[in-house]
Amino acid sequence: MWHDFLVAISLVLVIEGMMPFLSPERTRKTMELMMQMHNGTLRFVGLTSMLLGVVFLYILK
């Protein structure tokens, strides 16, 4: 169980680190756009991302 959890966290770190590494300028612009968004919009994006992740996990199992 712990092994799977640590693998999942490791994959998140690798995926999250890809964009700043591959395209730092684009990442900077995206962060600037996010700073201008309302909290509700950011929460909606986060919720949608989490729900998609749960759906993908359900499909894969």
PDB file of N, CA and C in Angstrom:
ATOM      1  N   MET A   1       0.820  -1.200   0.000  1.00  0.00           N
ATOM      2  CA  MET A   1       0.000   0.000   0.000  1.00  0.00           C
ATOM      3  C   MET A   1       0.864   1.263   0.000  1.00  0.00           C
ATOM      4  N   TRP A   2       1.824   1.333   0.926  1.00  0.00           N
ATOM      5  CA  TRP A   2       2.695   2.507   0.978  1.00  0.00           C
ATOM      6  C   TRP A   2       3.511   2.644  -0.293  1.00  0.00           C
ATOM      7  N   HIS A   3       3.940   1.511  -0.823  1.00  0.00           N
ATOM      8  CA  HIS A   3       4.733   1.538  -2.054  1.00  0.00           C
ATOM      9  C   HIS A   3       3.935   2.168  -3.189  1.00  0.00           C
ATOM     10  N   ASP A   4       2.686   1.764  -3.346  1.00  0.00           N
ATOM     11  CA  ASP A   4       1.834   2.322  -4.404  1.00  0.00           C
ATOM     12  C   ASP A   4       1.618   3.818  -4.205  1.00  0.00           C
ATOM     13  N   PHE A   5       1.409   4.225  -2.956  1.00  0.00           N
ATOM     14  CA  PHE A   5       1.218   5.639  -2.653  1.00  0.00           C
ATOM     15  C   PHE A   5       2.464   6.446  -3.016  1.00  0.00           C
ATOM     16  N   LEU A   6       3.620   5.949  -2.651  1.00  0.00           N
ATOM     17  CA  LEU A   6       4.869   6.655  -2.957  1.00  0.00           C
ATOM     18  C   LEU A   6       5.143   6.689  -4.457  1.00  0.00           C
ATOM     19  N   VAL A   7       4.791   5.626  -5.162  1.00  0.00           N
ATOM     20  CA  VAL A   7       4.921   5.623  -6.624  1.00  0.00           C
ATOM     21  C   VAL A   7       4.017   6.690  -7.224  1.00  0.00           C
ATOM     22  N   ALA A   8       2.781   6.783  -6.738  1.00  0.00           N
ATOM     23  CA  ALA A   8       1.841   7.785  -7.248  1.00  0.00           C
ATOM     24  C   ALA A   8       2.358   9.200  -6.997  1.00  0.00           C
ATOM     25  N   ILE A   9       2.856   9.462  -5.799  1.00  0.00           N
ATOM     26  CA  ILE A   9       3.399  10.792  -5.479  1.00  0.00           C
ATOM     27  C   ILE A   9       4.606  11.087  -6.364  1.00  0.00           C
ATOM     28  N   SER A  10       5.451  10.100  -6.577  1.00  0.00           N
ATOM     29  CA  SER A  10       6.622  10.290  -7.437  1.00  0.00           C
ATOM     30  C   SER A  10       6.212  10.644  -8.860  1.00  0.00           C
ATOM     31  N   LEU A  11       5.198   9.971  -9.377  1.00  0.00           N
ATOM     32  CA  LEU A  11       4.716  10.273 -10.727  1.00  0.00           C
ATOM     33  C   LEU A  11       4.136  11.680 -10.807  1.00  0.00           C
ATOM     34  N   VAL A  12       3.422  12.097  -9.774  1.00  0.00           N
ATOM     35  CA  VAL A  12       2.890  13.464  -9.743  1.00  0.00           C
ATOM     36  C   VAL A  12       4.035  14.470  -9.812  1.00  0.00           C
ATOM     37  N   LEU A  13       5.083  14.252  -9.036  1.00  0.00           N
ATOM     38  CA  LEU A  13       6.228  15.167  -9.041  1.00  0.00           C
ATOM     39  C   LEU A  13       6.910  15.213 -10.406  1.00  0.00           C
ATOM     40  N   VAL A  14       7.063  14.061 -11.041  1.00  0.00           N
ATOM     41  CA  VAL A  14       7.683  14.022 -12.369  1.00  0.00           C
ATOM     42  C   VAL A  14       6.827  14.784 -13.374  1.00  0.00           C
ATOM     43  N   ILE A  15       5.522  14.515 -13.377  1.00  0.00           N
ATOM     44  CA  ILE A  15       4.628  15.163 -14.342  1.00  0.00           C
ATOM     45  C   ILE A  15       4.540  16.661 -14.083  1.00  0.00           C
ATOM     46  N   GLU A  16       4.431  17.057 -12.808  1.00  0.00           N
ATOM     47  CA  GLU A  16       4.351  18.479 -12.472  1.00  0.00           C
ATOM     48  C   GLU A  16       5.639  19.220 -12.842  1.00  0.00           C
ATOM     49  N   GLY A  17       6.759  18.531 -12.798  1.00  0.00           N
ATOM     50  CA  GLY A  17       8.033  19.169 -13.099  1.00  0.00           C
ATOM     51  C   GLY A  17       8.365  19.252 -14.581  1.00  0.00           C
ATOM     52  N   MET A  18       7.614  18.533 -15.410  1.00  0.00           N
ATOM     53  CA  MET A  18       7.927  18.506 -16.838  1.00  0.00           C
ATOM     54  C   MET A  18       7.736  19.865 -17.507  1.00  0.00           C
ATOM     55  N   MET A  19       6.616  20.516 -17.261  1.00  0.00           N
ATOM     56  CA  MET A  19       6.335  21.778 -17.953  1.00  0.00           C
ATOM     57  C   MET A  19       7.315  22.890 -17.587  1.00  0.00           C
ATOM     58  N   PRO A  20       7.612  23.116 -16.298  1.00  0.00           N
ATOM     59  CA  PRO A  20       8.615  24.148 -16.009  1.00  0.00           C
ATOM     60  C   PRO A  20       9.983  23.830 -16.619  1.00  0.00           C
ATOM     61  N   PHE A  21      10.318  22.555 -16.702  1.00  0.00           N
ATOM     62  CA  PHE A  21      11.596  22.171 -17.287  1.00  0.00           C
ATOM     63  C   PHE A  21      11.604  22.373 -18.796  1.00  0.00           C
ATOM     64  N   LEU A  22      10.532  21.929 -19.463  1.00  0.00           N
ATOM     65  CA  LEU A  22      10.483  21.985 -20.923  1.00  0.00           C
ATOM     66  C   LEU A  22      10.169  23.379 -21.453  1.00  0.00           C
ATOM     67  N   SER A  23       9.348  24.126 -20.736  1.00  0.00           N
ATOM     68  CA  SER A  23       8.918  25.434 -21.228  1.00  0.00           C
ATOM     69  C   SER A  23       8.727  26.411 -20.065  1.00  0.00           C
ATOM     70  N   PRO A  24       9.824  26.924 -19.517  1.00  0.00           N
ATOM     71  CA  PRO A  24       9.703  27.816 -18.360  1.00  0.00           C
ATOM     72  C   PRO A  24       8.943  29.106 -18.672  1.00  0.00           C
ATOM     73  N   GLU A  25       9.107  29.639 -19.868  1.00  0.00           N
ATOM     74  CA  GLU A  25       8.414  30.884 -20.214  1.00  0.00           C
ATOM     75  C   GLU A  25       6.903  30.665 -20.265  1.00  0.00           C
ATOM     76  N   ARG A  26       6.491  29.581 -20.878  1.00  0.00           N
ATOM     77  CA  ARG A  26       5.055  29.261 -20.955  1.00  0.00           C
ATOM     78  C   ARG A  26       4.483  29.013 -19.556  1.00  0.00           C
ATOM     79  N   THR A  27       5.258  28.339 -18.714  1.00  0.00           N
ATOM     80  CA  THR A  27       4.823  28.094 -17.339  1.00  0.00           C
ATOM     81  C   THR A  27       4.634  29.409 -16.598  1.00  0.00           C
ATOM     82  N   ARG A  28       5.553  30.334 -16.796  1.00  0.00           N
ATOM     83  CA  ARG A  28       5.465  31.646 -16.149  1.00  0.00           C
ATOM     84  C   ARG A  28       4.200  32.386 -16.598  1.00  0.00           C
ATOM     85  N   LYS A  29       3.913  32.348 -17.892  1.00  0.00           N
ATOM     86  CA  LYS A  29       2.707  33.009 -18.415  1.00  0.00           C
ATOM     87  C   LYS A  29       1.441  32.362 -17.859  1.00  0.00           C
ATOM     88  N   THR A  30       1.454  31.040 -17.763  1.00  0.00           N
ATOM     89  CA  THR A  30       0.299  30.334 -17.212  1.00  0.00           C
ATOM     90  C   THR A  30       0.076  30.717 -15.753  1.00  0.00           C
ATOM     91  N   MET A  31       1.158  30.819 -14.988  1.00  0.00           N
ATOM     92  CA  MET A  31       1.042  31.222 -13.581  1.00  0.00           C
ATOM     93  C   MET A  31       0.483  32.637 -13.460  1.00  0.00           C
ATOM     94  N   GLU A  32       0.914  33.527 -14.351  1.00  0.00           N
ATOM     95  CA  GLU A  32       0.393  34.895 -14.335  1.00  0.00           C
ATOM     96  C   GLU A  32      -1.109  34.904 -14.614  1.00  0.00           C
ATOM     97  N   LEU A  33      -1.559  34.084 -15.565  1.00  0.00           N
ATOM     98  CA  LEU A  33      -2.990  33.982 -15.852  1.00  0.00           C
ATOM     99  C   LEU A  33      -3.755  33.433 -14.654  1.00  0.00           C
ATOM    100  N   MET A  34      -3.176  32.457 -13.981  1.00  0.00           N
ATOM    101  CA  MET A  34      -3.833  31.878 -12.816  1.00  0.00           C
ATOM    102  C   MET A  34      -3.965  32.893 -11.683  1.00  0.00           C
ATOM    103  N   MET A  35      -2.986  33.774 -11.556  1.00  0.00           N
ATOM    104  CA  MET A  35      -3.041  34.804 -10.513  1.00  0.00           C
ATOM    105  C   MET A  35      -4.199  35.764 -10.744  1.00  0.00           C
ATOM    106  N   GLN A  36      -4.640  35.906 -11.982  1.00  0.00           N
ATOM    107  CA  GLN A  36      -5.727  36.822 -12.309  1.00  0.00           C
ATOM    108  C   GLN A  36      -7.101  36.161 -12.189  1.00  0.00           C
ATOM    109  N   MET A  37      -7.146  34.845 -12.052  1.00  0.00           N
ATOM    110  CA  MET A  37      -8.424  34.131 -11.965  1.00  0.00           C
ATOM    111  C   MET A  37      -9.046  34.305 -10.585  1.00  0.00           C
ATOM    112  N   HIS A  38     -10.361  34.244 -10.554  1.00  0.00           N
ATOM    113  CA  HIS A  38     -11.083  34.275  -9.285  1.00  0.00           C
ATOM    114  C   HIS A  38     -10.875  32.951  -8.555  1.00  0.00           C
ATOM    115  N   ASN A  39     -10.987  32.986  -7.234  1.00  0.00           N
ATOM    116  CA  ASN A  39     -10.819  31.766  -6.438  1.00  0.00           C
ATOM    117  C   ASN A  39     -11.802  30.680  -6.860  1.00  0.00           C
ATOM    118  N   GLY A  40     -13.025  31.069  -7.159  1.00  0.00           N
ATOM    119  CA  GLY A  40     -14.027  30.092  -7.573  1.00  0.00           C
ATOM    120  C   GLY A  40     -13.639  29.368  -8.848  1.00  0.00           C
ATOM    121  N   THR A  41     -13.050  30.098  -9.774  1.00  0.00           N
ATOM    122  CA  THR A  41     -12.607  29.489 -11.033  1.00  0.00           C
ATOM    123  C   THR A  41     -11.488  28.486 -10.780  1.00  0.00           C
ATOM    124  N   LEU A  42     -10.531  28.868  -9.944  1.00  0.00           N
ATOM    125  CA  LEU A  42      -9.434  27.951  -9.625  1.00  0.00           C
ATOM    126  C   LEU A  42      -9.950  26.708  -8.903  1.00  0.00           C
ATOM    127  N   ARG A  43     -10.904  26.905  -7.998  1.00  0.00           N
ATOM    128  CA  ARG A  43     -11.479  25.755  -7.295  1.00  0.00           C
ATOM    129  C   ARG A  43     -12.195  24.827  -8.270  1.00  0.00           C
ATOM    130  N   PHE A  44     -12.918  25.405  -9.228  1.00  0.00           N
ATOM    131  CA  PHE A  44     -13.619  24.595 -10.224  1.00  0.00           C
ATOM    132  C   PHE A  44     -12.626  23.788 -11.058  1.00  0.00           C
ATOM    133  N   VAL A  45     -11.541  24.420 -11.478  1.00  0.00           N
ATOM    134  CA  VAL A  45     -10.511  23.717 -12.255  1.00  0.00           C
ATOM    135  C   VAL A  45      -9.911  22.588 -11.420  1.00  0.00           C
ATOM    136  N   GLY A  46      -9.616  22.865 -10.151  1.00  0.00           N
ATOM    137  CA  GLY A  46      -9.066  21.837  -9.271  1.00  0.00           C
ATOM    138  C   GLY A  46     -10.027  20.682  -9.059  1.00  0.00           C
ATOM    139  N   LEU A  47     -11.303  21.002  -8.829  1.00  0.00           N
ATOM    140  CA  LEU A  47     -12.312  19.962  -8.633  1.00  0.00           C
ATOM    141  C   LEU A  47     -12.469  19.111  -9.889  1.00  0.00           C
ATOM    142  N   THR A  48     -12.511  19.764 -11.042  1.00  0.00           N
ATOM    143  CA  THR A  48     -12.637  19.036 -12.305  1.00  0.00           C
ATOM    144  C   THR A  48     -11.453  18.099 -12.511  1.00  0.00           C
ATOM    145  N   SER A  49     -10.264  18.577 -12.206  1.00  0.00           N
ATOM    146  CA  SER A  49      -9.064  17.757 -12.342  1.00  0.00           C
ATOM    147  C   SER A  49      -9.125  16.542 -11.419  1.00  0.00           C
ATOM    148  N   MET A  50      -9.540  16.766 -10.173  1.00  0.00           N
ATOM    149  CA  MET A  50      -9.641  15.646  -9.232  1.00  0.00           C
ATOM    150  C   MET A  50     -10.678  14.629  -9.690  1.00  0.00           C
ATOM    151  N   LEU A  51     -11.829  15.107 -10.155  1.00  0.00           N
ATOM    152  CA  LEU A  51     -12.879  14.191 -10.606  1.00  0.00           C
ATOM    153  C   LEU A  51     -12.437  13.385 -11.822  1.00  0.00           C
ATOM    154  N   LEU A  52     -11.742  14.034 -12.754  1.00  0.00           N
ATOM    155  CA  LEU A  52     -11.220  13.301 -13.913  1.00  0.00           C
ATOM    156  C   LEU A  52     -10.228  12.227 -13.474  1.00  0.00           C
ATOM    157  N   GLY A  53      -9.382  12.564 -12.520  1.00  0.00           N
ATOM    158  CA  GLY A  53      -8.432  11.588 -11.996  1.00  0.00           C
ATOM    159  C   GLY A  53      -9.126  10.391 -11.374  1.00  0.00           C
ATOM    160  N   VAL A  54     -10.186  10.652 -10.609  1.00  0.00           N
ATOM    161  CA  VAL A  54     -10.937   9.562  -9.986  1.00  0.00           C
ATOM    162  C   VAL A  54     -11.606   8.696 -11.051  1.00  0.00           C
ATOM    163  N   VAL A  55     -12.167   9.327 -12.073  1.00  0.00           N
ATOM    164  CA  VAL A  55     -12.804   8.572 -13.162  1.00  0.00           C
ATOM    165  C   VAL A  55     -11.770   7.704 -13.876  1.00  0.00           C
ATOM    166  N   PHE A  56     -10.605   8.266 -14.177  1.00  0.00           N
ATOM    167  CA  PHE A  56      -9.557   7.485 -14.838  1.00  0.00           C
ATOM    168  C   PHE A  56      -9.125   6.306 -13.972  1.00  0.00           C
ATOM    169  N   LEU A  57      -8.967   6.539 -12.669  1.00  0.00           N
ATOM    170  CA  LEU A  57      -8.594   5.445 -11.772  1.00  0.00           C
ATOM    171  C   LEU A  57      -9.662   4.359 -11.760  1.00  0.00           C
ATOM    172  N   TYR A  58     -10.920   4.758 -11.753  1.00  0.00           N
ATOM    173  CA  TYR A  58     -12.017   3.791 -11.758  1.00  0.00           C
ATOM    174  C   TYR A  58     -11.997   2.961 -13.042  1.00  0.00           C
ATOM    175  N   ILE A  59     -11.751   3.619 -14.164  1.00  0.00           N
ATOM    176  CA  ILE A  59     -11.706   2.916 -15.453  1.00  0.00           C
ATOM    177  C   ILE A  59     -10.533   1.935 -15.491  1.00  0.00           C
ATOM    178  N   LEU A  60      -9.398   2.332 -14.943  1.00  0.00           N
ATOM    179  CA  LEU A  60      -8.206   1.485 -14.984  1.00  0.00           C
ATOM    180  C   LEU A  60      -8.294   0.279 -14.057  1.00  0.00           C
ATOM    181  N   LYS A  61      -9.086   0.363 -13.033  1.00  0.00           N
ATOM    182  CA  LYS A  61      -9.180  -0.753 -12.069  1.00  0.00           C
ATOM    183  C   LYS A  61     -10.124  -1.805 -12.507  1.00  0.00           C
TER     184      LYS A  61
END
